[in-house]
PDB file of N, CA and C in Angstrom:
ATOM      1  N   MET A   1     -11.598  26.265  -8.024  1.00  0.00           N
ATOM      2  CA  MET A   1     -11.388  24.854  -7.503  1.00  0.00           C
ATOM      3  C   MET A   1     -10.806  25.370  -5.884  1.00  0.00           C
ATOM      4  N   LYS A   2     -11.415  24.865  -5.088  1.00  0.00           N
ATOM      5  CA  LYS A   2     -11.649  25.333  -3.366  1.00  0.00           C
ATOM      6  C   LYS A   2     -10.246  24.845  -3.132  1.00  0.00           C
ATOM      7  N   LYS A   3      -9.516  25.651  -2.281  1.00  0.00           N
ATOM      8  CA  LYS A   3      -8.334  24.742  -1.877  1.00  0.00           C
ATOM      9  C   LYS A   3      -8.695  24.821  -0.486  1.00  0.00           C
ATOM     10  N   SER A   4      -8.299  23.542   0.152  1.00  0.00           N
ATOM     11  CA  SER A   4      -8.448  23.236   1.507  1.00  0.00           C
ATOM     12  C   SER A   4      -7.035  23.199   2.557  1.00  0.00           C
ATOM     13  N   LYS A   5      -7.798  23.569   3.404  1.00  0.00           N
ATOM     14  CA  LYS A   5      -6.426  24.284   4.960  1.00  0.00           C
ATOM     15  C   LYS A   5      -5.592  22.426   5.543  1.00  0.00           C
ATOM     16  N   ASN A   6      -6.073  21.569   5.285  1.00  0.00           N
ATOM     17  CA  ASN A   6      -5.204  20.924   5.312  1.00  0.00           C
ATOM     18  C   ASN A   6      -4.696  19.331   4.501  1.00  0.00           C
ATOM     19  N   LEU A   7      -3.830  19.276   3.476  1.00  0.00           N
ATOM     20  CA  LEU A   7      -3.562  18.290   2.639  1.00  0.00           C
ATOM     21  C   LEU A   7      -4.411  17.106   2.617  1.00  0.00           C
ATOM     22  N   GLU A   8      -5.012  16.643   3.932  1.00  0.00           N
ATOM     23  CA  GLU A   8      -5.677  15.155   3.985  1.00  0.00           C
ATOM     24  C   GLU A   8      -7.153  15.594   3.873  1.00  0.00           C
ATOM     25  N   ASP A   9      -7.338  16.803   3.348  1.00  0.00           N
ATOM     26  CA  ASP A   9      -9.221  17.089   3.271  1.00  0.00           C
ATOM     27  C   ASP A   9      -8.789  17.482   1.724  1.00  0.00           C
ATOM     28  N   CYS A  10      -8.104  17.432   1.642  1.00  0.00           N
ATOM     29  CA  CYS A  10      -7.687  18.096  -0.369  1.00  0.00           C
ATOM     30  C   CYS A  10      -7.875  16.848  -1.050  1.00  0.00           C
ATOM     31  N   PRO A  11      -9.101  16.872  -1.947  1.00  0.00           N
ATOM     32  CA  PRO A  11      -9.069  15.855  -3.229  1.00  0.00           C
ATOM     33  C   PRO A  11      -8.269  15.881  -3.808  1.00  0.00           C
ATOM     34  N   VAL A  12      -7.290  16.721  -4.540  1.00  0.00           N
ATOM     35  CA  VAL A  12      -6.798  16.664  -5.514  1.00  0.00           C
ATOM     36  C   VAL A  12      -5.036  16.132  -4.996  1.00  0.00           C
ATOM     37  N   TYR A  13      -4.931  16.280  -3.542  1.00  0.00           N
ATOM     38  CA  TYR A  13      -3.836  16.225  -2.854  1.00  0.00           C
ATOM     39  C   TYR A  13      -3.820  14.082  -2.857  1.00  0.00           C
ATOM     40  N   LYS A  14      -5.072  14.238  -2.461  1.00  0.00           N
ATOM     41  CA  LYS A  14      -5.390  12.765  -1.866  1.00  0.00           C
ATOM     42  C   LYS A  14      -5.424  11.596  -3.615  1.00  0.00           C
ATOM     43  N   THR A  15      -5.673  12.435  -4.197  1.00  0.00           N
ATOM     44  CA  THR A  15      -6.239  11.734  -5.843  1.00  0.00           C
ATOM     45  C   THR A  15      -4.618  11.434  -6.294  1.00  0.00           C
ATOM     46  N   ALA A  16      -3.640  12.631  -6.119  1.00  0.00           N
ATOM     47  CA  ALA A  16      -2.274  12.663  -6.401  1.00  0.00           C
ATOM     48  C   ALA A  16      -1.227  11.704  -5.891  1.00  0.00           C
ATOM     49  N   GLU A  17      -1.626  11.090  -4.549  1.00  0.00           N
ATOM     50  CA  GLU A  17      -1.046  10.393  -3.819  1.00  0.00           C
ATOM     51  C   GLU A  17      -1.256   8.776  -4.320  1.00  0.00           C
ATOM     52  N   LEU A  18      -2.695   8.557  -5.124  1.00  0.00           N
ATOM     53  CA  LEU A  18      -3.155   7.219  -5.699  1.00  0.00           C
ATOM     54  C   LEU A  18      -1.877   7.632  -7.052  1.00  0.00           C
ATOM     55  N   LEU A  19      -2.031   8.471  -7.281  1.00  0.00           N
ATOM     56  CA  LEU A  19      -1.205   7.993  -8.731  1.00  0.00           C
ATOM     57  C   LEU A  19       0.074   8.610  -8.735  1.00  0.00           C
ATOM     58  N   GLU A  20       0.942   8.407  -7.634  1.00  0.00           N
ATOM     59  CA  GLU A  20       2.243   8.990  -7.180  1.00  0.00           C
ATOM     60  C   GLU A  20       3.144   7.981  -7.885  1.00  0.00           C
ATOM     61  N   GLY A  21       4.038   8.399  -9.103  1.00  0.00           N
ATOM     62  CA  GLY A  21       5.000   7.792  -9.702  1.00  0.00           C
ATOM     63  C   GLY A  21       4.861   7.503 -10.922  1.00  0.00           C
ATOM     64  N   LYS A  22       5.745   7.026 -11.439  1.00  0.00           N
ATOM     65  CA  LYS A  22       6.000   6.937 -13.147  1.00  0.00           C
ATOM     66  C   LYS A  22       5.285   5.861 -13.416  1.00  0.00           C
ATOM     67  N   TRP A  23       5.550   4.968 -12.365  1.00  0.00           N
ATOM     68  CA  TRP A  23       5.131   3.207 -13.100  1.00  0.00           C
ATOM     69  C   TRP A  23       3.411   3.523 -12.229  1.00  0.00           C
ATOM     70  N   THR A  24       2.588   4.335 -11.606  1.00  0.00           N
ATOM     71  CA  THR A  24       1.500   4.306 -11.551  1.00  0.00           C
ATOM     72  C   THR A  24       1.084   4.652 -12.982  1.00  0.00           C
ATOM     73  N   ILE A  25       0.724   5.817 -13.175  1.00  0.00           N
ATOM     74  CA  ILE A  25       0.472   5.952 -14.181  1.00  0.00           C
ATOM     75  C   ILE A  25       0.825   5.495 -15.890  1.00  0.00           C
ATOM     76  N   LEU A  26       1.992   4.583 -15.661  1.00  0.00           N
ATOM     77  CA  LEU A  26       2.218   4.056 -17.110  1.00  0.00           C
ATOM     78  C   LEU A  26       1.372   2.782 -17.105  1.00  0.00           C
ATOM     79  N   ILE A  27       1.218   1.695 -15.934  1.00  0.00           N
ATOM     80  CA  ILE A  27       0.341   1.042 -15.431  1.00  0.00           C
ATOM     81  C   ILE A  27      -0.786   1.150 -15.960  1.00  0.00           C
ATOM     82  N   PHE A  28      -1.168   2.520 -15.337  1.00  0.00           N
ATOM     83  CA  PHE A  28      -2.946   2.660 -16.127  1.00  0.00           C
ATOM     84  C   PHE A  28      -3.220   2.487 -17.285  1.00  0.00           C
ATOM     85  N   ARG A  29      -1.974   3.414 -18.030  1.00  0.00           N
ATOM     86  CA  ARG A  29      -1.788   3.848 -19.433  1.00  0.00           C
ATOM     87  C   ARG A  29      -2.062   2.601 -20.255  1.00  0.00           C
ATOM     88  N   ASP A  30      -1.352   1.340 -19.542  1.00  0.00           N
ATOM     89  CA  ASP A  30      -1.584   0.198 -20.539  1.00  0.00           C
ATOM     90  C   ASP A  30      -2.705  -0.443 -20.036  1.00  0.00           C
ATOM     91  N   LEU A  31      -3.201  -0.242 -19.027  1.00  0.00           N
ATOM     92  CA  LEU A  31      -4.833  -0.884 -18.564  1.00  0.00           C
ATOM     93  C   LEU A  31      -5.824  -0.210 -19.376  1.00  0.00           C
ATOM     94  N   LEU A  32      -5.659   0.967 -19.749  1.00  0.00           N
ATOM     95  CA  LEU A  32      -6.941   1.774 -20.718  1.00  0.00           C
ATOM     96  C   LEU A  32      -6.564   1.561 -21.667  1.00  0.00           C
ATOM     97  N   ASP A  33      -5.339   1.120 -22.444  1.00  0.00           N
ATOM     98  CA  ASP A  33      -5.264   0.940 -23.675  1.00  0.00           C
ATOM     99  C   ASP A  33      -5.918  -0.560 -24.029  1.00  0.00           C
ATOM    100  N   LYS A  34      -5.482  -1.286 -23.130  1.00  0.00           N
ATOM    101  CA  LYS A  34      -5.599  -3.270 -23.586  1.00  0.00           C
ATOM    102  C   LYS A  34      -6.628  -3.517 -22.743  1.00  0.00           C
ATOM    103  N   LYS A  35      -6.830  -3.124 -21.669  1.00  0.00           N
ATOM    104  CA  LYS A  35      -8.558  -3.650 -20.919  1.00  0.00           C
ATOM    105  C   LYS A  35      -8.273  -4.455 -20.057  1.00  0.00           C
ATOM    106  N   VAL A  36      -7.422  -5.662 -20.234  1.00  0.00           N
ATOM    107  CA  VAL A  36      -7.213  -6.406 -19.434  1.00  0.00           C
ATOM    108  C   VAL A  36      -5.286  -7.184 -20.066  1.00  0.00           C
ATOM    109  N   VAL A  37      -4.755  -6.542 -19.026  1.00  0.00           N
ATOM    110  CA  VAL A  37      -3.114  -7.032 -19.091  1.00  0.00           C
ATOM    111  C   VAL A  37      -2.675  -8.195 -18.086  1.00  0.00           C
ATOM    112  N   ARG A  38      -1.997  -8.995 -18.506  1.00  0.00           N
ATOM    113  CA  ARG A  38      -1.259 -10.015 -18.115  1.00  0.00           C
ATOM    114  C   ARG A  38       0.456  -9.735 -17.345  1.00  0.00           C
ATOM    115  N   PHE A  39       1.100 -10.030 -16.579  1.00  0.00           N
ATOM    116  CA  PHE A  39       2.037  -9.482 -15.464  1.00  0.00           C
ATOM    117  C   PHE A  39       2.671  -9.211 -16.405  1.00  0.00           C
ATOM    118  N   ASN A  40       3.122  -9.902 -16.979  1.00  0.00           N
ATOM    119  CA  ASN A  40       4.689 -10.103 -17.857  1.00  0.00           C
ATOM    120  C   ASN A  40       4.623  -8.874 -19.349  1.00  0.00           C
ATOM    121  N   GLU A  41       2.922  -8.756 -19.480  1.00  0.00           N
ATOM    122  CA  GLU A  41       2.368  -7.951 -20.399  1.00  0.00           C
ATOM    123  C   GLU A  41       3.503  -6.481 -19.789  1.00  0.00           C
ATOM    124  N   LEU A  42       2.348  -6.433 -18.645  1.00  0.00           N
ATOM    125  CA  LEU A  42       2.622  -4.574 -17.848  1.00  0.00           C
ATOM    126  C   LEU A  42       4.620  -4.687 -18.066  1.00  0.00           C
ATOM    127  N   LYS A  43       5.392  -5.925 -17.537  1.00  0.00           N
ATOM    128  CA  LYS A  43       6.563  -5.406 -17.082  1.00  0.00           C
ATOM    129  C   LYS A  43       7.313  -5.599 -18.463  1.00  0.00           C
ATOM    130  N   ARG A  44       6.900  -6.044 -19.644  1.00  0.00           N
ATOM    131  CA  ARG A  44       7.953  -5.895 -21.040  1.00  0.00           C
ATOM    132  C   ARG A  44       7.514  -4.224 -21.661  1.00  0.00           C
ATOM    133  N   SER A  45       6.056  -4.071 -21.299  1.00  0.00           N
ATOM    134  CA  SER A  45       5.787  -2.558 -21.766  1.00  0.00           C
ATOM    135  C   SER A  45       6.590  -1.682 -20.972  1.00  0.00           C
ATOM    136  N   LEU A  46       6.625  -2.050 -19.297  1.00  0.00           N
ATOM    137  CA  LEU A  46       7.320  -0.806 -18.849  1.00  0.00           C
ATOM    138  C   LEU A  46       8.636  -0.846 -18.578  1.00  0.00           C
ATOM    139  N   GLY A  47       9.422  -1.421 -19.485  1.00  0.00           N
ATOM    140  CA  GLY A  47      10.290  -1.668 -19.522  1.00  0.00           C
ATOM    141  C   GLY A  47      11.512  -1.947 -18.017  1.00  0.00           C
ATOM    142  N   SER A  48      11.953  -1.472 -17.658  1.00  0.00           N
ATOM    143  CA  SER A  48      12.947  -0.990 -16.644  1.00  0.00           C
ATOM    144  C   SER A  48      12.920  -0.995 -14.952  1.00  0.00           C
ATOM    145  N   ILE A  49      10.963  -1.662 -14.953  1.00  0.00           N
ATOM    146  CA  ILE A  49      10.459  -1.738 -14.329  1.00  0.00           C
ATOM    147  C   ILE A  49      11.083  -3.298 -13.392  1.00  0.00           C
ATOM    148  N   SER A  50      11.380  -3.127 -11.831  1.00  0.00           N
ATOM    149  CA  SER A  50      11.391  -4.539 -11.530  1.00  0.00           C
ATOM    150  C   SER A  50      10.366  -5.057 -11.102  1.00  0.00           C
ATOM    151  N   PRO A  51      10.425  -6.514 -11.269  1.00  0.00           N
ATOM    152  CA  PRO A  51       9.208  -6.959 -11.012  1.00  0.00           C
ATOM    153  C   PRO A  51       8.655  -6.686  -9.205  1.00  0.00           C
ATOM    154  N   LYS A  52       9.801  -6.914  -8.590  1.00  0.00           N
ATOM    155  CA  LYS A  52       9.102  -6.281  -6.927  1.00  0.00           C
ATOM    156  C   LYS A  52       8.624  -5.008  -7.140  1.00  0.00           C
ATOM    157  N   THR A  53       9.151  -3.781  -7.871  1.00  0.00           N
ATOM    158  CA  THR A  53       8.370  -2.364  -7.460  1.00  0.00           C
ATOM    159  C   THR A  53       6.999  -3.043  -8.310  1.00  0.00           C
ATOM    160  N   LEU A  54       6.625  -3.729  -9.484  1.00  0.00           N
ATOM    161  CA  LEU A  54       5.367  -4.049  -9.986  1.00  0.00           C
ATOM    162  C   LEU A  54       4.722  -4.234  -9.595  1.00  0.00           C
ATOM    163  N   THR A  55       5.281  -5.471  -8.940  1.00  0.00           N
ATOM    164  CA  THR A  55       4.606  -5.929  -7.853  1.00  0.00           C
ATOM    165  C   THR A  55       3.862  -4.902  -6.592  1.00  0.00           C
ATOM    166  N   GLU A  56       4.673  -4.418  -5.923  1.00  0.00           N
ATOM    167  CA  GLU A  56       4.012  -3.405  -5.155  1.00  0.00           C
ATOM    168  C   GLU A  56       3.660  -2.638  -5.547  1.00  0.00           C
ATOM    169  N   ARG A  57       3.515  -1.999  -6.731  1.00  0.00           N
ATOM    170  CA  ARG A  57       2.445  -1.056  -7.559  1.00  0.00           C
ATOM    171  C   ARG A  57       1.062  -1.467  -7.708  1.00  0.00           C
ATOM    172  N   LEU A  58       1.064  -2.949  -8.382  1.00  0.00           N
ATOM    173  CA  LEU A  58      -0.133  -3.559  -8.475  1.00  0.00           C
ATOM    174  C   LEU A  58      -0.939  -3.706  -7.051  1.00  0.00           C
ATOM    175  N   LYS A  59      -0.158  -4.348  -6.047  1.00  0.00           N
ATOM    176  CA  LYS A  59      -0.855  -4.532  -5.038  1.00  0.00           C
ATOM    177  C   LYS A  59      -1.577  -3.262  -4.066  1.00  0.00           C
ATOM    178  N   PHE A  60      -0.619  -1.958  -4.414  1.00  0.00           N
ATOM    179  CA  PHE A  60      -1.077  -0.867  -3.890  1.00  0.00           C
ATOM    180  C   PHE A  60      -2.862  -0.886  -4.346  1.00  0.00           C
ATOM    181  N   LEU A  61      -2.708  -0.876  -5.855  1.00  0.00           N
ATOM    182  CA  LEU A  61      -4.009  -0.133  -6.711  1.00  0.00           C
ATOM    183  C   LEU A  61      -4.896  -1.105  -6.287  1.00  0.00           C
ATOM    184  N   GLU A  62      -4.776  -2.446  -6.200  1.00  0.00           N
ATOM    185  CA  GLU A  62      -5.802  -3.266  -5.865  1.00  0.00           C
ATOM    186  C   GLU A  62      -6.206  -2.905  -4.529  1.00  0.00           C
ATOM    187  N   PHE A  63      -5.080  -2.489  -3.462  1.00  0.00           N
ATOM    188  CA  PHE A  63      -5.836  -2.351  -2.307  1.00  0.00           C
ATOM    189  C   PHE A  63      -6.792  -1.167  -2.428  1.00  0.00           C
ATOM    190  N   HIS A  64      -6.610  -0.031  -3.199  1.00  0.00           N
ATOM    191  CA  HIS A  64      -7.524   0.854  -2.962  1.00  0.00           C
ATOM    192  C   HIS A  64      -7.998   0.551  -4.444  1.00  0.00           C
ATOM    193  N   ASN A  65      -8.657  -0.480  -4.567  1.00  0.00           N
ATOM    194  CA  ASN A  65      -9.330  -0.691  -5.227  1.00  0.00           C
ATOM    195  C   ASN A  65      -9.913   0.115  -6.771  1.00  0.00           C
ATOM    196  N   LEU A  66      -8.524   0.047  -7.813  1.00  0.00           N
ATOM    197  CA  LEU A  66      -8.541   0.559  -8.530  1.00  0.00           C
ATOM    198  C   LEU A  66      -8.554  -0.175 -10.302  1.00  0.00           C
ATOM    199  N   ILE A  67      -7.567  -1.066  -9.177  1.00  0.00           N
ATOM    200  CA  ILE A  67      -7.597  -2.571 -10.434  1.00  0.00           C
ATOM    201  C   ILE A  67      -7.909  -3.836  -9.674  1.00  0.00           C
ATOM    202  N   GLN A  68      -8.357  -4.465 -10.274  1.00  0.00           N
ATOM    203  CA  GLN A  68      -8.644  -6.194  -9.795  1.00  0.00           C
ATOM    204  C   GLN A  68      -7.620  -6.969 -10.835  1.00  0.00           C
ATOM    205  N   ARG A  69      -7.410  -7.853  -9.590  1.00  0.00           N
ATOM    206  CA  ARG A  69      -6.486  -9.054 -10.114  1.00  0.00           C
ATOM    207  C   ARG A  69      -7.809 -10.523 -10.531  1.00  0.00           C
ATOM    208  N   ASN A  70      -7.247 -11.207 -11.247  1.00  0.00           N
ATOM    209  CA  ASN A  70      -7.832 -12.200 -11.641  1.00  0.00           C
ATOM    210  C   ASN A  70      -7.038 -13.749 -11.838  1.00  0.00           C
ATOM    211  N   VAL A  71      -6.596 -14.585 -11.032  1.00  0.00           N
ATOM    212  CA  VAL A  71      -6.017 -15.906 -11.377  1.00  0.00           C
ATOM    213  C   VAL A  71      -6.510 -16.846 -11.504  1.00  0.00           C
ATOM    214  N   TYR A  72      -6.364 -17.370 -12.256  1.00  0.00           N
ATOM    215  CA  TYR A  72      -6.712 -18.403 -12.983  1.00  0.00           C
ATOM    216  C   TYR A  72      -6.522 -19.892 -12.813  1.00  0.00           C
ATOM    217  N   PRO A  73      -7.073 -20.504 -12.192  1.00  0.00           N
ATOM    218  CA  PRO A  73      -6.389 -22.040 -11.715  1.00  0.00           C
ATOM    219  C   PRO A  73      -5.745 -22.678 -13.168  1.00  0.00           C
ATOM    220  N   GLU A  74      -4.724 -22.466 -13.406  1.00  0.00           N
ATOM    221  CA  GLU A  74      -3.972 -23.028 -14.959  1.00  0.00           C
ATOM    222  C   GLU A  74      -2.333 -23.606 -14.013  1.00  0.00           C
ATOM    223  N   THR A  75      -1.980 -24.263 -15.049  1.00  0.00           N
ATOM    224  CA  THR A  75      -0.586 -24.042 -14.052  1.00  0.00           C
ATOM    225  C   THR A  75       0.413 -23.999 -16.203  1.00  0.00           C
ATOM    226  N   PRO A  76       1.080 -23.003 -15.728  1.00  0.00           N
ATOM    227  CA  PRO A  76       1.619 -21.878 -14.604  1.00  0.00           C
ATOM    228  C   PRO A  76       0.444 -21.383 -14.763  1.00  0.00           C
ATOM    229  N   PRO A  77       0.373 -20.739 -13.369  1.00  0.00           N
ATOM    230  CA  PRO A  77      -1.271 -19.750 -13.105  1.00  0.00           C
ATOM    231  C   PRO A  77      -0.752 -18.405 -13.940  1.00  0.00           C
ATOM    232  N   ARG A  78      -2.286 -18.294 -14.449  1.00  0.00           N
ATOM    233  CA  ARG A  78      -2.487 -17.013 -15.157  1.00  0.00           C
ATOM    234  C   ARG A  78      -3.083 -16.003 -14.466  1.00  0.00           C
ATOM    235  N   VAL A  79      -2.446 -14.637 -14.304  1.00  0.00           N
ATOM    236  CA  VAL A  79      -2.936 -13.745 -13.535  1.00  0.00           C
ATOM    237  C   VAL A  79      -3.392 -12.779 -14.325  1.00  0.00           C
ATOM    238  N   GLU A  80      -4.019 -12.307 -14.492  1.00  0.00           N
ATOM    239  CA  GLU A  80      -4.877 -10.970 -15.270  1.00  0.00           C
ATOM    240  C   GLU A  80      -5.244  -9.670 -14.403  1.00  0.00           C
ATOM    241  N   TYR A  81      -4.646  -8.512 -14.823  1.00  0.00           N
ATOM    242  CA  TYR A  81      -4.826  -7.330 -14.538  1.00  0.00           C
ATOM    243  C   TYR A  81      -6.296  -6.370 -15.391  1.00  0.00           C
ATOM    244  N   SER A  82      -6.920  -5.541 -14.840  1.00  0.00           N
ATOM    245  CA  SER A  82      -8.159  -5.069 -15.303  1.00  0.00           C
ATOM    246  C   SER A  82      -8.422  -4.415 -14.528  1.00  0.00           C
ATOM    247  N   LEU A  83      -8.924  -2.812 -15.204  1.00  0.00           N
ATOM    248  CA  LEU A  83      -9.250  -1.613 -14.179  1.00  0.00           C
ATOM    249  C   LEU A  83     -10.867  -1.637 -13.877  1.00  0.00           C
ATOM    250  N   THR A  84     -11.042  -1.421 -12.285  1.00  0.00           N
ATOM    251  CA  THR A  84     -12.237  -1.319 -11.919  1.00  0.00           C
ATOM    252  C   THR A  84     -12.855  -0.234 -12.495  1.00  0.00           C
ATOM    253  N   GLN A  85     -14.228  -0.290 -11.712  1.00  0.00           N
ATOM    254  CA  GLN A  85     -15.517   0.984 -11.972  1.00  0.00           C
ATOM    255  C   GLN A  85     -14.599   2.080 -11.362  1.00  0.00           C
ATOM    256  N   LYS A  86     -13.840   2.069 -10.047  1.00  0.00           N
ATOM    257  CA  LYS A  86     -13.407   3.284  -9.959  1.00  0.00           C
ATOM    258  C   LYS A  86     -11.973   3.722 -10.554  1.00  0.00           C
ATOM    259  N   GLY A  87     -11.176   2.714 -11.143  1.00  0.00           N
ATOM    260  CA  GLY A  87     -10.197   3.018 -11.598  1.00  0.00           C
ATOM    261  C   GLY A  87     -10.487   3.872 -12.843  1.00  0.00           C
ATOM    262  N   LYS A  88     -11.564   2.926 -13.822  1.00  0.00           N
ATOM    263  CA  LYS A  88     -12.089   3.811 -14.817  1.00  0.00           C
ATOM    264  C   LYS A  88     -12.153   4.951 -14.911  1.00  0.00           C
ATOM    265  N   GLN A  89     -12.526   5.478 -13.980  1.00  0.00           N
ATOM    266  CA  GLN A  89     -13.627   7.023 -13.355  1.00  0.00           C
ATOM    267  C   GLN A  89     -11.999   7.677 -13.722  1.00  0.00           C
ATOM    268  N   LEU A  90     -10.802   7.163 -13.939  1.00  0.00           N
ATOM    269  CA  LEU A  90      -9.870   8.238 -13.832  1.00  0.00           C
ATOM    270  C   LEU A  90      -9.078   8.226 -15.141  1.00  0.00           C
ATOM    271  N   GLN A  91      -9.785   7.718 -16.223  1.00  0.00           N
ATOM    272  CA  GLN A  91      -9.741   7.946 -17.548  1.00  0.00           C
ATOM    273  C   GLN A  91      -9.899   9.710 -18.428  1.00  0.00           C
ATOM    274  N   SER A  92     -10.433  10.092 -18.070  1.00  0.00           N
ATOM    275  CA  SER A  92     -10.109  11.654 -18.287  1.00  0.00           C
ATOM    276  C   SER A  92      -9.128  12.359 -17.605  1.00  0.00           C
ATOM    277  N   ILE A  93      -8.457  12.323 -16.589  1.00  0.00           N
ATOM    278  CA  ILE A  93      -7.233  12.287 -15.952  1.00  0.00           C
ATOM    279  C   ILE A  93      -6.021  12.613 -17.226  1.00  0.00           C
ATOM    280  N   PHE A  94      -5.830  10.747 -17.660  1.00  0.00           N
ATOM    281  CA  PHE A  94      -4.770  10.431 -18.638  1.00  0.00           C
ATOM    282  C   PHE A  94      -5.030  10.673 -20.276  1.00  0.00           C
ATOM    283  N   GLU A  95      -6.281  11.118 -20.452  1.00  0.00           N
ATOM    284  CA  GLU A  95      -6.528  11.469 -21.283  1.00  0.00           C
ATOM    285  C   GLU A  95      -6.235  12.720 -21.500  1.00  0.00           C
ATOM    286  N   ALA A  96      -6.419  13.744 -20.886  1.00  0.00           N
ATOM    287  CA  ALA A  96      -5.903  15.094 -19.966  1.00  0.00           C
ATOM    288  C   ALA A  96      -4.285  15.591 -20.549  1.00  0.00           C
ATOM    289  N   MET A  97      -4.332  14.293 -19.665  1.00  0.00           N
ATOM    290  CA  MET A  97      -2.458  14.137 -19.541  1.00  0.00           C
ATOM    291  C   MET A  97      -1.548  13.741 -20.915  1.00  0.00           C
ATOM    292  N   ALA A  98      -2.543  12.918 -21.910  1.00  0.00           N
ATOM    293  CA  ALA A  98      -1.726  12.495 -22.853  1.00  0.00           C
ATOM    294  C   ALA A  98      -2.217  13.670 -23.675  1.00  0.00           C
ATOM    295  N   LYS A  99      -2.831  14.820 -23.856  1.00  0.00           N
ATOM    296  CA  LYS A  99      -3.386  15.526 -25.173  1.00  0.00           C
ATOM    297  C   LYS A  99      -2.304  16.914 -24.918  1.00  0.00           C
ATOM    298  N   PHE A 100      -2.153  17.100 -23.219  1.00  0.00           N
ATOM    299  CA  PHE A 100      -1.403  17.748 -22.579  1.00  0.00           C
ATOM    300  C   PHE A 100      -0.077  17.614 -23.796  1.00  0.00           C
ATOM    301  N   GLY A 101       0.754  16.657 -23.310  1.00  0.00           N
ATOM    302  CA  GLY A 101       1.838  16.062 -23.739  1.00  0.00           C
ATOM    303  C   GLY A 101       1.958  16.296 -25.199  1.00  0.00           C
ATOM    304  N   THR A 102       0.813  15.692 -26.045  1.00  0.00           N
ATOM    305  CA  THR A 102       0.950  15.929 -27.886  1.00  0.00           C
ATOM    306  C   THR A 102       1.323  17.172 -27.815  1.00  0.00           C
ATOM    307  N   LYS A 103       0.221  18.168 -27.422  1.00  0.00           N
ATOM    308  CA  LYS A 103       0.543  19.717 -27.802  1.00  0.00           C
ATOM    309  C   LYS A 103       1.589  20.597 -26.849  1.00  0.00           C
ATOM    310  N   TRP A 104       2.130  20.205 -25.977  1.00  0.00           N
ATOM    311  CA  TRP A 104       2.864  21.083 -25.146  1.00  0.00           C
ATOM    312  C   TRP A 104       4.609  20.179 -24.807  1.00  0.00           C
ATOM    313  N   LEU A 105       4.685  18.654 -25.012  1.00  0.00           N
ATOM    314  CA  LEU A 105       5.758  18.663 -24.410  1.00  0.00           C
ATOM    315  C   LEU A 105       6.734  17.889 -25.960  1.00  0.00           C
TER     316      LEU A 105
END
């Protein structure tokens, strides 16, 4: 793997920035497992995450085109999240993390 002199030019660093924090990784875990997830499903699955933190993480991922948010005109409004094509490209990273964790941790 070729090292970059400048962190901002390093593809590993840039990818790590997108996946920063345990919540982002766990959001991806749920979206990879279920394909489409509602906000409250994510909240329940993630346990101790605050609604504010979950909202911030989801907005960050949507801004970077890793997930998409679909709002349905119902009362109460139904909001579902799913991975974009770009987000799905990260699947092999999460599979490798699961394999490593199962074997070594």
